[in-house]
Protein backbone atom coordinates (compact mmCIF):
# COMPACT_ATOMS: atom_id res chain seq x y z
CA MET A 1 -4.38 -28.07 0.65
CA THR A 2 -3.45 -24.65 2.38
CA THR A 3 -2.68 -24.58 5.92
CA LEU A 4 -3.79 -21.40 7.79
CA GLU A 5 -2.11 -20.46 11.25
CA ASN A 6 -3.15 -17.62 13.26
CA ARG A 7 -1.21 -15.20 15.95
CA PRO A 8 -3.10 -14.81 18.89
CA TYR A 9 -3.34 -11.48 20.43
CA ASP A 10 -0.72 -12.29 23.39
CA THR A 11 1.98 -13.30 20.86
CA LEU A 12 1.84 -10.32 18.63
CA ASN A 13 4.30 -7.59 19.17
CA ILE A 14 4.46 -3.99 18.17
CA GLY A 15 6.44 -4.03 14.60
CA ASP A 16 5.43 -7.72 13.45
CA ASP A 17 4.59 -7.97 9.99
CA ALA A 18 3.52 -10.42 7.24
CA VAL A 19 2.49 -10.15 3.38
CA PHE A 20 -0.11 -11.33 1.27
CA GLU A 21 0.13 -11.39 -2.77
CA LYS A 22 -2.49 -11.56 -5.52
CA THR A 23 -2.52 -10.63 -9.10
CA LEU A 24 -5.62 -8.98 -10.82
CA THR A 25 -6.93 -11.17 -13.61
CA GLU A 26 -10.02 -10.11 -16.06
CA LYS A 27 -11.74 -13.18 -14.00
CA GLU A 28 -11.36 -11.56 -10.78
CA LEU A 29 -12.41 -8.35 -11.92
CA VAL A 30 -15.86 -9.44 -13.27
CA LEU A 31 -16.34 -11.71 -10.37
CA PHE A 32 -15.55 -8.69 -7.80
CA ALA A 33 -18.21 -6.82 -10.15
CA ALA A 34 -20.78 -9.49 -9.98
CA VAL A 35 -20.41 -9.93 -6.11
CA SER A 36 -20.12 -6.44 -5.32
CA GLY A 37 -22.76 -4.89 -7.72
CA ASP A 38 -20.25 -2.19 -9.10
CA VAL A 39 -20.60 -2.60 -12.78
CA ASN A 40 -18.94 0.88 -13.75
CA PRO A 41 -17.93 0.54 -17.35
CA LEU A 42 -14.46 2.06 -16.27
CA HIS A 43 -13.82 -1.61 -14.75
CA LEU A 44 -15.58 -3.77 -17.24
CA ASP A 45 -15.79 -2.08 -20.69
CA ALA A 46 -12.05 -1.86 -22.29
CA GLU A 47 -13.32 0.67 -24.88
CA PHE A 48 -15.23 3.00 -22.52
CA ALA A 49 -12.02 2.77 -20.17
CA LYS A 50 -9.82 4.00 -23.07
CA THR A 51 -11.88 7.41 -23.02
CA THR A 52 -11.12 8.03 -19.35
CA MET A 53 -8.08 9.54 -17.47
CA PHE A 54 -6.74 5.90 -17.12
CA GLY A 55 -6.73 4.96 -20.78
CA GLU A 56 -7.76 1.47 -19.72
CA GLN A 57 -9.75 -0.62 -17.52
CA ILE A 58 -8.79 -0.46 -13.75
CA ALA A 59 -9.79 -2.66 -10.83
CA HIS A 60 -12.37 -1.38 -8.27
CA GLY A 61 -10.58 0.48 -5.31
CA MET A 62 -12.24 -1.94 -2.94
CA TRP A 63 -10.60 -5.14 -4.73
CA SER A 64 -7.25 -3.84 -3.28
CA GLY A 65 -9.16 -3.17 0.22
CA SER A 66 -10.53 -6.68 -0.05
CA LEU A 67 -7.10 -7.83 -0.28
CA ILE A 68 -6.38 -6.31 3.10
CA SER A 69 -8.96 -8.20 4.61
CA ALA A 70 -7.77 -11.48 3.08
CA ALA A 71 -4.37 -10.66 4.65
CA LEU A 72 -5.78 -10.06 7.95
CA ALA A 73 -7.85 -13.29 7.78
CA THR A 74 -5.43 -15.56 6.58
CA THR A 75 -1.93 -14.24 7.99
CA LEU A 76 -1.63 -11.53 10.68
CA PRO A 77 -3.48 -12.09 12.78
CA GLY A 78 -5.03 -14.79 10.86
CA PRO A 79 -7.97 -16.99 11.35
CA GLY A 80 -10.51 -15.99 14.13
CA THR A 81 -9.54 -12.29 13.44
CA ILE A 82 -12.63 -10.02 13.60
CA TYR A 83 -12.30 -6.91 11.35
CA MET A 84 -13.75 -3.85 12.92
CA GLY A 85 -12.70 -0.98 10.81
CA GLN A 86 -10.41 0.21 7.99
CA ASP A 87 -9.16 3.71 6.85
CA LEU A 88 -7.89 3.60 3.35
CA SER A 89 -6.19 6.09 1.07
CA PHE A 90 -6.14 5.09 -2.75
CA ARG A 91 -2.91 6.44 -4.29
CA ARG A 92 -2.81 4.93 -7.83
CA PRO A 93 -4.93 2.74 -10.16
CA VAL A 94 -4.71 -1.08 -10.18
CA LYS A 95 -4.64 -2.63 -13.68
CA LEU A 96 -5.28 -5.95 -15.36
CA GLY A 97 -2.11 -8.14 -14.66
CA ASP A 98 -0.70 -6.09 -11.57
CA THR A 99 0.47 -7.99 -8.68
CA LEU A 100 -0.26 -6.31 -5.42
CA THR A 101 1.28 -7.08 -2.19
CA VAL A 102 -0.18 -6.29 1.26
CA LYS A 103 2.02 -5.71 4.11
CA LEU A 104 0.53 -5.42 7.41
CA THR A 105 2.54 -4.33 10.36
CA VAL A 106 1.33 -4.46 13.84
CA LYS A 107 1.01 -0.61 15.19
CA GLU A 108 -0.86 -0.65 18.29
CA LYS A 109 -2.00 -3.13 21.10
CA LYS A 110 -5.19 -2.02 22.92
CA GLU A 111 -7.60 -3.28 25.61
CA LYS A 112 -9.82 -6.33 24.87
CA ASN A 113 -7.51 -8.02 22.20
CA VAL A 114 -8.00 -4.95 19.60
CA VAL A 115 -5.12 -4.52 17.38
CA ILE A 116 -4.16 -1.53 14.87
CA LEU A 117 -2.24 -2.58 11.84
CA ASP A 118 -0.40 -0.17 9.27
CA CYS A 119 -1.54 -1.32 5.73
CA LEU A 120 0.48 -0.98 2.85
CA VAL A 121 -0.56 -2.19 -0.82
CA THR A 122 2.01 -1.92 -3.48
CA ASN A 123 2.18 -3.05 -7.05
CA GLN A 124 4.86 -4.93 -8.79
CA LYS A 125 6.75 -1.82 -9.51
CA GLY A 126 6.97 -1.27 -5.86
CA GLU A 127 4.62 1.75 -6.23
CA LYS A 128 2.02 2.65 -3.24
CA VAL A 129 -1.33 1.60 -4.41
CA VAL A 130 -3.15 1.93 -1.12
CA LEU A 131 -2.27 3.09 2.42
CA GLY A 132 -4.24 2.77 5.56
CA THR A 133 -4.78 1.27 8.96
CA ALA A 134 -6.99 -1.60 10.20
CA THR A 135 -8.70 -2.39 13.39
CA VAL A 136 -9.22 -5.85 14.51
CA ILE A 137 -9.79 -7.91 17.32
CA ALA A 138 -7.38 -10.68 17.45
CA PRO A 139 -7.96 -14.29 18.26
CA THR A 140 -7.05 -15.39 21.60
CA GLU A 141 -6.45 -18.84 21.13
CA LYS A 142 -3.68 -20.35 18.64
CA SER A 143 -5.54 -22.08 15.72
CA VAL A 144 -4.10 -24.14 12.74
CA LEU A 145 -6.37 -25.54 10.31
CA GLU A 146 -6.87 -26.24 6.73
CA ALA A 147 -8.16 -23.60 4.22
CA PRO A 148 -11.75 -24.10 2.94
CA GLU A 149 -11.62 -25.29 -0.75
CA LEU A 150 -13.20 -23.00 -3.12
CA PRO A 151 -15.54 -23.90 -5.99
CA LYS A 152 -14.29 -23.69 -9.51
CA ILE A 153 -16.19 -20.88 -10.92
CA THR A 154 -16.39 -20.12 -14.64
CA LEU A 155 -17.82 -17.26 -16.60
CA GLY A 156 -20.31 -17.45 -19.06
């Protein structure tokens, strides 16, 4: 099992950072489409995608955004974080097999445990995929817990 540990508001400092990494598989692409309801052929139909400006299937933009959410929830500040808002700028497409790295950096601490974090998502080539900022309410108490185990999901 994976252990998750948060960083309470009082322990956060401007400049603190953390990373989260994930690779886009076809299974993830299909599952994201199913969960979100976004079945744009650009994401799911390889033949259609060949006719677009990208020439191949690409991920939903919000798949990259969801990785920021995962990073906030599991790394910085971590479990207990309340996601209040996000400003995103999508810079380049994410393709099947791309590995994205989310880097979160504490930018500002405000009243009532509110934290603003810079968000940078890069691909395996170091190219900027997504830029933005996230606003969260950081937890106030330290937590160390086991990550819930997800069920095995098969497509079919």
